[in-house]
Protein backbone atom coordinates (compact mmCIF):
# COMPACT_ATOMS: atom_id res chain seq x y z
CA MET A 1 11.03 -103.23 8.92
CA THR A 2 10.42 -102.30 12.58
CA GLN A 3 8.98 -99.05 13.67
CA GLU A 4 12.44 -98.01 14.87
CA ASP A 5 13.76 -98.81 11.42
CA GLY A 6 11.11 -96.63 9.78
CA ALA A 7 11.88 -93.77 12.13
CA ALA A 8 15.58 -93.97 11.43
CA ALA A 9 14.80 -93.96 7.71
CA ARG A 10 12.82 -90.75 7.94
CA PRO A 11 14.86 -87.58 7.25
CA ARG A 12 15.46 -85.48 10.47
CA ARG A 13 14.56 -82.27 8.68
CA VAL A 14 12.46 -82.52 5.51
CA THR A 15 13.36 -79.96 2.84
CA VAL A 16 12.19 -79.11 -0.67
CA VAL A 17 15.17 -81.30 -1.92
CA THR A 18 13.98 -84.13 0.25
CA LEU A 19 10.55 -84.09 -1.26
CA SER A 20 11.91 -83.73 -4.75
CA LYS A 21 13.84 -87.00 -4.29
CA LEU A 22 10.94 -88.82 -2.93
CA ALA A 23 8.62 -87.58 -5.76
CA GLY A 24 11.19 -87.81 -8.50
CA VAL A 25 10.80 -84.31 -9.69
CA ALA A 26 12.75 -81.17 -9.61
CA PRO A 27 12.86 -78.91 -6.46
CA SER A 28 11.27 -76.16 -8.48
CA THR A 29 8.29 -78.46 -9.18
CA ILE A 30 7.92 -79.00 -5.44
CA THR A 31 7.92 -75.29 -4.71
CA ARG A 32 5.29 -74.54 -7.52
CA ALA A 33 3.13 -77.43 -6.54
CA LEU A 34 2.94 -76.49 -2.88
CA LYS A 35 2.06 -72.97 -3.97
CA GLY A 36 -0.88 -74.36 -6.05
CA ASP A 37 0.78 -73.30 -9.38
CA PRO A 38 -1.67 -74.21 -12.20
CA ARG A 39 1.36 -75.18 -14.42
CA ILE A 40 1.75 -78.30 -12.33
CA SER A 41 -0.90 -80.98 -13.04
CA PRO A 42 -3.57 -81.60 -10.32
CA LYS A 43 -2.36 -85.25 -9.95
CA THR A 44 1.30 -84.11 -9.31
CA ARG A 45 0.13 -81.40 -6.84
CA GLU A 46 -2.00 -83.97 -4.93
CA LYS A 47 1.03 -86.37 -4.78
CA ILE A 48 3.43 -83.70 -3.51
CA SER A 49 0.91 -82.42 -0.95
CA ALA A 50 0.45 -85.95 0.31
CA LEU A 51 4.18 -86.42 0.63
CA ALA A 52 4.59 -83.04 2.41
CA LYS A 53 1.92 -84.04 4.86
CA GLU A 54 3.27 -87.45 5.47
CA TYR A 55 6.82 -86.30 6.15
CA GLY A 56 5.75 -83.24 8.09
CA TYR A 57 7.27 -80.59 5.72
CA THR A 58 6.85 -76.97 6.51
CA PRO A 59 8.25 -74.07 4.46
CA ASN A 60 11.54 -72.67 5.60
CA ALA A 61 10.96 -69.08 6.68
CA LEU A 62 14.61 -68.03 6.08
CA ALA A 63 14.54 -69.45 2.60
CA ARG A 64 11.41 -67.49 1.86
CA THR A 65 13.12 -64.34 3.14
CA LEU A 66 16.08 -64.87 0.76
CA SER A 67 13.91 -65.54 -2.14
CA SER A 68 11.19 -62.92 -1.64
CA GLY A 69 13.00 -60.29 0.40
CA ARG A 70 10.26 -60.43 2.96
CA SER A 71 10.42 -62.27 6.28
CA GLY A 72 6.78 -62.27 7.21
CA LEU A 73 7.78 -60.83 10.57
CA TYR A 74 6.56 -57.55 12.08
CA GLY A 75 8.21 -56.11 15.13
CA ILE A 76 6.09 -54.56 17.96
CA VAL A 77 7.09 -52.24 20.69
CA LEU A 78 4.79 -52.19 23.81
CA GLY A 79 4.28 -50.23 26.93
CA PRO A 80 4.59 -51.54 30.52
CA GLU A 81 2.92 -54.78 31.36
CA SER A 82 1.38 -53.13 34.42
CA ASN A 83 -1.08 -51.35 32.09
CA PRO A 84 -3.67 -53.80 30.69
CA LEU A 85 -4.05 -51.50 27.59
CA TYR A 86 -0.90 -52.99 26.05
CA SER A 87 -2.15 -56.60 26.63
CA HIS A 88 -5.33 -55.75 24.64
CA ILE A 89 -3.19 -54.02 21.82
CA LEU A 90 -0.92 -57.12 21.73
CA HIS A 91 -3.89 -59.48 21.34
CA ALA A 92 -5.42 -57.45 18.61
CA ALA A 93 -2.04 -57.30 16.79
CA MET A 94 -1.58 -61.04 17.11
CA ASP A 95 -4.96 -61.66 15.63
CA GLU A 96 -4.43 -59.19 12.79
CA ALA A 97 -0.98 -60.58 12.01
CA GLU A 98 -2.41 -64.13 11.85
CA SER A 99 -5.22 -63.05 9.61
CA ILE A 100 -2.67 -61.88 7.02
CA GLY A 101 -0.25 -64.84 7.37
CA CYS A 102 2.42 -63.03 9.39
CA ARG A 103 3.96 -63.23 12.78
CA LEU A 104 4.94 -60.71 15.48
CA LEU A 105 8.31 -60.26 17.13
CA MET A 106 8.14 -58.51 20.46
CA LEU A 107 11.17 -56.15 20.62
CA HIS A 108 10.70 -53.92 23.65
CA ILE A 109 8.29 -53.54 26.60
CA GLY A 110 8.24 -50.32 28.51
CA MET A 111 7.92 -46.54 28.35
CA GLU A 112 11.66 -45.90 27.68
CA GLN A 113 12.53 -44.28 24.43
CA MET A 114 13.15 -46.80 21.59
CA ASP A 115 16.80 -46.67 21.32
CA GLU A 116 19.56 -47.68 18.85
CA LYS A 117 19.79 -51.24 20.14
CA THR A 118 16.10 -51.82 19.56
CA ALA A 119 16.42 -50.33 15.95
CA GLU A 120 19.31 -52.57 15.17
CA ALA A 121 17.20 -55.59 16.26
CA LEU A 122 14.75 -54.68 13.60
CA LEU A 123 17.58 -55.27 11.05
CA GLN A 124 19.03 -58.34 12.67
CA TYR A 125 15.64 -60.09 12.54
CA GLN A 126 14.89 -58.67 9.04
CA VAL A 127 11.35 -57.57 10.13
CA ASP A 128 9.29 -56.18 7.34
CA GLY A 129 8.13 -53.30 9.47
CA CYS A 130 7.32 -52.26 13.13
CA LEU A 131 4.35 -51.13 15.21
CA ILE A 132 5.29 -48.76 18.08
CA THR A 133 2.50 -48.43 20.66
CA SER A 134 4.21 -46.62 23.60
CA ALA A 135 7.80 -45.42 23.11
CA ALA A 136 9.15 -42.31 21.43
CA ILE A 137 11.79 -42.73 18.87
CA GLY A 138 15.31 -41.54 19.50
CA SER A 139 16.99 -39.58 16.74
CA ARG A 140 19.51 -42.28 16.05
CA ALA A 141 16.93 -45.07 16.05
CA ALA A 142 14.87 -43.08 13.58
CA ASP A 143 17.89 -42.62 11.30
CA ILE A 144 18.72 -46.36 11.40
CA CYS A 145 15.09 -47.24 10.25
CA ARG A 146 15.16 -44.54 7.65
CA GLU A 147 18.51 -45.50 6.23
CA ASN A 148 17.48 -49.11 5.96
CA ASN A 149 13.95 -48.60 4.58
CA VAL A 150 12.20 -50.18 7.66
CA PRO A 151 8.67 -48.78 7.78
CA LEU A 152 7.39 -47.76 11.11
CA VAL A 153 3.76 -47.06 12.13
CA MET A 154 2.93 -45.60 15.52
CA VAL A 155 -0.21 -46.75 17.30
CA ASN A 156 -1.74 -44.56 19.93
CA ARG A 157 1.13 -42.18 19.45
CA VAL A 158 1.90 -39.40 16.95
CA ALA A 159 5.03 -39.90 14.81
CA GLU A 160 7.28 -37.03 15.36
CA ARG A 161 10.41 -38.04 13.45
CA HIS A 162 9.77 -40.96 10.95
CA GLY A 163 6.73 -42.99 10.07
CA SER A 164 2.94 -42.97 9.85
CA PHE A 165 0.59 -43.13 12.85
CA VAL A 166 -2.87 -44.42 13.71
CA SER A 167 -4.41 -42.87 16.83
CA CYS A 168 -7.68 -42.36 18.58
CA ASP A 169 -8.76 -38.59 18.35
CA ASN A 170 -7.55 -37.98 21.93
CA ARG A 171 -8.34 -34.31 21.86
CA ALA A 172 -11.98 -34.76 20.77
CA GLY A 173 -12.44 -37.62 23.20
CA ALA A 174 -11.15 -35.66 26.11
CA GLY A 175 -13.46 -32.89 25.12
CA LEU A 176 -16.41 -35.24 25.40
CA LEU A 177 -15.38 -36.01 28.95
CA ALA A 178 -15.17 -32.43 29.97
CA LYS A 179 -18.58 -31.58 28.45
CA HIS A 180 -20.12 -34.59 30.37
CA LEU A 181 -18.65 -33.39 33.68
CA LEU A 182 -19.96 -29.82 33.07
CA GLN A 183 -23.31 -31.13 32.30
CA THR A 184 -23.36 -32.99 35.68
CA GLY A 185 -22.64 -29.73 37.51
CA ARG A 186 -18.92 -30.18 38.23
CA ARG A 187 -16.98 -26.92 38.46
CA LYS A 188 -13.62 -27.62 40.17
CA PHE A 189 -11.34 -29.92 38.03
CA ALA A 190 -8.03 -31.66 38.37
CA VAL A 191 -6.12 -33.46 35.72
CA ILE A 192 -3.74 -36.37 36.66
CA ARG A 193 -1.07 -36.72 34.00
CA PRO A 194 2.24 -38.54 33.60
CA PRO A 195 5.32 -36.31 34.41
CA GLN A 196 6.91 -36.96 30.95
CA THR A 197 4.13 -36.25 28.58
CA SER A 198 3.68 -38.11 25.33
CA SER A 199 1.72 -36.81 22.32
CA THR A 200 -1.27 -38.79 23.61
CA ALA A 201 -1.20 -37.22 27.09
CA ARG A 202 -0.76 -33.70 25.68
CA ASP A 203 -3.71 -34.10 23.38
CA ARG A 204 -5.92 -35.46 26.10
CA GLU A 205 -4.96 -32.72 28.52
CA ASN A 206 -5.43 -29.96 26.05
CA GLY A 207 -8.67 -31.22 24.69
CA PHE A 208 -10.00 -31.42 28.15
CA THR A 209 -8.81 -27.93 29.32
CA GLU A 210 -9.85 -26.25 26.11
CA VAL A 211 -13.48 -27.20 26.57
CA LEU A 212 -13.33 -26.04 30.27
CA ALA A 213 -11.81 -22.66 29.18
CA ASP A 214 -14.60 -22.30 26.61
CA ALA A 215 -17.10 -22.67 29.53
CA GLY A 216 -15.23 -20.00 31.45
CA ILE A 217 -13.29 -22.33 33.81
CA ALA A 218 -9.58 -21.71 34.42
CA GLY A 219 -7.07 -22.73 37.04
CA VAL A 220 -7.37 -26.46 36.58
CA MET A 221 -5.36 -28.28 39.13
CA ARG A 222 -2.62 -30.51 37.67
CA LEU A 223 -0.90 -33.44 39.45
CA ASN A 224 1.99 -35.44 37.94
CA TYR A 225 1.78 -39.16 38.41
CA ALA A 226 2.94 -41.96 36.09
CA SER A 227 0.29 -44.04 34.32
CA GLY A 228 -0.20 -46.98 36.71
CA TRP A 229 -2.61 -48.27 39.41
CA ASP A 230 -0.20 -47.72 42.21
CA GLU A 231 0.53 -44.14 41.09
CA GLY A 232 -3.24 -43.42 40.78
CA TYR A 233 -3.86 -44.79 44.22
CA ALA A 234 -1.18 -42.42 45.53
CA ALA A 235 -2.80 -39.49 43.73
CA GLY A 236 -6.21 -40.38 45.27
CA GLY A 237 -4.62 -40.27 48.70
CA VAL A 238 -3.20 -36.79 48.01
CA LEU A 239 -6.61 -35.60 46.86
CA ALA A 240 -8.36 -37.01 49.87
CA GLY A 241 -5.91 -35.24 52.21
CA MET A 242 -6.59 -31.82 50.82
CA LEU A 243 -8.65 -29.32 52.70
CA GLU A 244 -12.38 -29.33 51.80
CA GLY A 245 -12.21 -26.02 49.97
CA GLU A 246 -9.28 -27.11 48.01
CA GLN A 247 -10.50 -30.45 46.74
CA PRO A 248 -11.72 -30.69 43.18
CA ASP A 249 -15.13 -32.12 42.54
CA ALA A 250 -14.08 -33.87 39.35
CA VAL A 251 -10.81 -35.56 38.28
CA PHE A 252 -9.70 -36.52 34.72
CA ALA A 253 -6.94 -39.15 34.88
CA LEU A 254 -5.38 -39.53 31.49
CA SER A 255 -5.55 -43.24 31.42
CA ASP A 256 -8.02 -45.87 32.78
CA ILE A 257 -5.58 -47.69 34.83
CA LEU A 258 -4.61 -44.38 36.54
CA ALA A 259 -8.21 -43.52 37.08
CA MET A 260 -8.87 -47.07 38.60
CA GLY A 261 -6.11 -46.39 41.16
CA VAL A 262 -7.44 -42.85 41.92
CA ILE A 263 -10.91 -44.27 42.67
CA ASP A 264 -9.40 -46.90 45.02
CA GLY A 265 -7.28 -44.34 46.71
CA LEU A 266 -10.14 -41.96 47.34
CA ARG A 267 -12.36 -44.57 48.61
CA ALA A 268 -9.73 -46.00 50.93
CA ALA A 269 -9.57 -42.53 52.47
CA GLY A 270 -13.36 -42.18 52.96
CA ILE A 271 -14.05 -40.08 49.90
CA ARG A 272 -17.24 -41.15 48.00
CA VAL A 273 -17.04 -41.57 44.22
CA PRO A 274 -18.94 -39.93 42.48
CA GLN A 275 -20.87 -38.14 45.30
CA ASP A 276 -17.87 -36.24 46.60
CA ILE A 277 -15.48 -36.43 43.58
CA ALA A 278 -16.29 -37.67 40.06
CA VAL A 279 -13.53 -39.58 38.34
CA VAL A 280 -13.15 -40.18 34.57
CA GLY A 281 -10.42 -41.87 32.48
CA PHE A 282 -9.56 -42.58 28.90
CA ASP A 283 -8.94 -45.90 27.04
CA GLY A 284 -12.04 -48.01 27.48
CA LEU A 285 -10.37 -51.01 29.23
CA PRO A 286 -12.77 -53.87 29.94
CA GLU A 287 -11.33 -53.92 33.41
CA SER A 288 -12.56 -50.35 34.04
CA GLN A 289 -16.10 -51.49 33.53
CA ARG A 290 -16.09 -54.03 36.35
CA PRO A 291 -18.72 -53.30 39.07
CA THR A 292 -16.10 -51.94 41.40
CA TYR A 293 -15.29 -49.04 38.99
CA GLN A 294 -17.95 -48.64 36.29
CA LEU A 295 -15.74 -45.93 35.03
CA THR A 296 -16.76 -43.08 32.68
CA THR A 297 -14.17 -43.17 29.93
CA VAL A 298 -13.63 -42.85 26.23
CA GLU A 299 -13.12 -46.21 24.46
CA GLN A 300 -10.38 -46.32 21.86
CA PRO A 301 -11.20 -48.39 18.87
CA ILE A 302 -8.17 -50.66 19.47
CA ARG A 303 -8.92 -53.28 16.82
CA MET A 304 -9.76 -50.82 14.12
CA MET A 305 -6.54 -48.90 14.92
CA ILE A 306 -4.53 -52.07 14.71
CA ASN A 307 -6.17 -53.09 11.40
CA ARG A 308 -5.42 -49.68 9.87
CA ALA A 309 -1.83 -49.78 11.21
CA PHE A 310 -1.17 -53.12 9.52
CA LYS A 311 -2.56 -51.84 6.18
CA LEU A 312 -0.16 -48.94 6.42
CA LEU A 313 2.72 -51.28 7.18
CA GLU A 314 1.80 -53.77 4.43
CA ALA A 315 1.58 -50.91 1.82
CA ARG A 316 4.98 -49.46 2.88
CA THR A 317 6.64 -52.99 2.83
CA LYS A 318 5.64 -53.07 -0.96
CA ASP A 319 6.64 -49.48 -1.59
CA TYR A 320 8.72 -47.87 1.17
CA PHE A 321 8.56 -44.43 -0.45
CA LEU A 322 4.86 -43.93 -0.04
CA PRO A 323 4.29 -40.70 1.83
CA ASP A 324 3.60 -40.95 5.56
CA GLU A 325 -0.10 -41.02 6.55
CA GLN A 326 -1.77 -39.81 9.71
CA VAL A 327 -4.96 -41.56 10.69
CA SER A 328 -7.21 -40.31 13.56
CA LEU A 329 -10.18 -42.40 14.62
CA GLY A 330 -13.07 -41.38 16.90
CA GLY A 331 -13.45 -42.73 20.38
CA ARG A 332 -16.75 -43.64 22.06
CA LEU A 333 -17.88 -42.04 25.32
CA LEU A 334 -18.93 -44.56 27.90
CA ILE A 335 -20.82 -43.02 30.88
CA GLY A 336 -20.51 -45.00 34.06
CA LYS A 337 -21.25 -44.60 37.65
CA SER A 338 -17.91 -43.03 38.50
CA SER A 339 -19.25 -39.58 37.38
CA GLN A 340 -22.98 -39.96 37.49
CA LEU A 341 -24.82 -38.94 40.69
CA THR A 342 -27.93 -40.89 39.64
């Protein structure tokens, strides 16, 4: 028989039924053997495993969903690709999913609210649950997930309608930044925040200003700019253009990518960082520690947060009616040259 004849004789798509015919056993025996069921003799298991390898058999995910009620798919909703934070979150989530034998389905990218269409996609693809890292949940989307027992876990956000959440302790982390700036002698402060505040942004701003208030400092300047490098650069230009008596001597940008833009905008206008204005951020992006920035920031424990989020999802996939949980993990203060005069 020629090589072409052998290829023609090989089934196009190998199934459990195909293997059962080749092995001369029932399809249920094939399934049990491939799962390592001890009721099947070692000799038969070895024979079936060899056949599966020879013919390139892989389990049918759809069939597994029908038989077990679980797809092995978790949805993920991410923020804009312009912010490297979400790339790091995605990589951590992919690694975690792989470690537990699951896969991720990207459903949405951007800061827009998770809408009804995205929620319906959760049902269409029969995902076992969903991680939401950026968007708020619309009331109708929350209802769809609740009515269909789709567990949701917010990461880096606080669940306000439906689901559990895992977050860095944003309030405490921002407080650490304020204390650090006070210790370096700064007394005139500005906060650069997104115009549409999320729970994360609110907690960071409040944690920062509360520590300042306790130190007797009020009247903090607030500038509204979306969380991106371009917006930060524009904010830096605005700060640089202020009269000398109006300029703050310290700036808290509510995200690292925003802070990096602020530093570049200030320097482009001839303002020295940190000699004239100190700049701090929040997230702990590896990019923020490059020599150009050496940003003082609070590092979020991203991998630990993702690990906890998956544990919450897995538990609620098995028992949807478990009560919601709120997990807050501490961040780590990283002091860089963007705020230190020496």
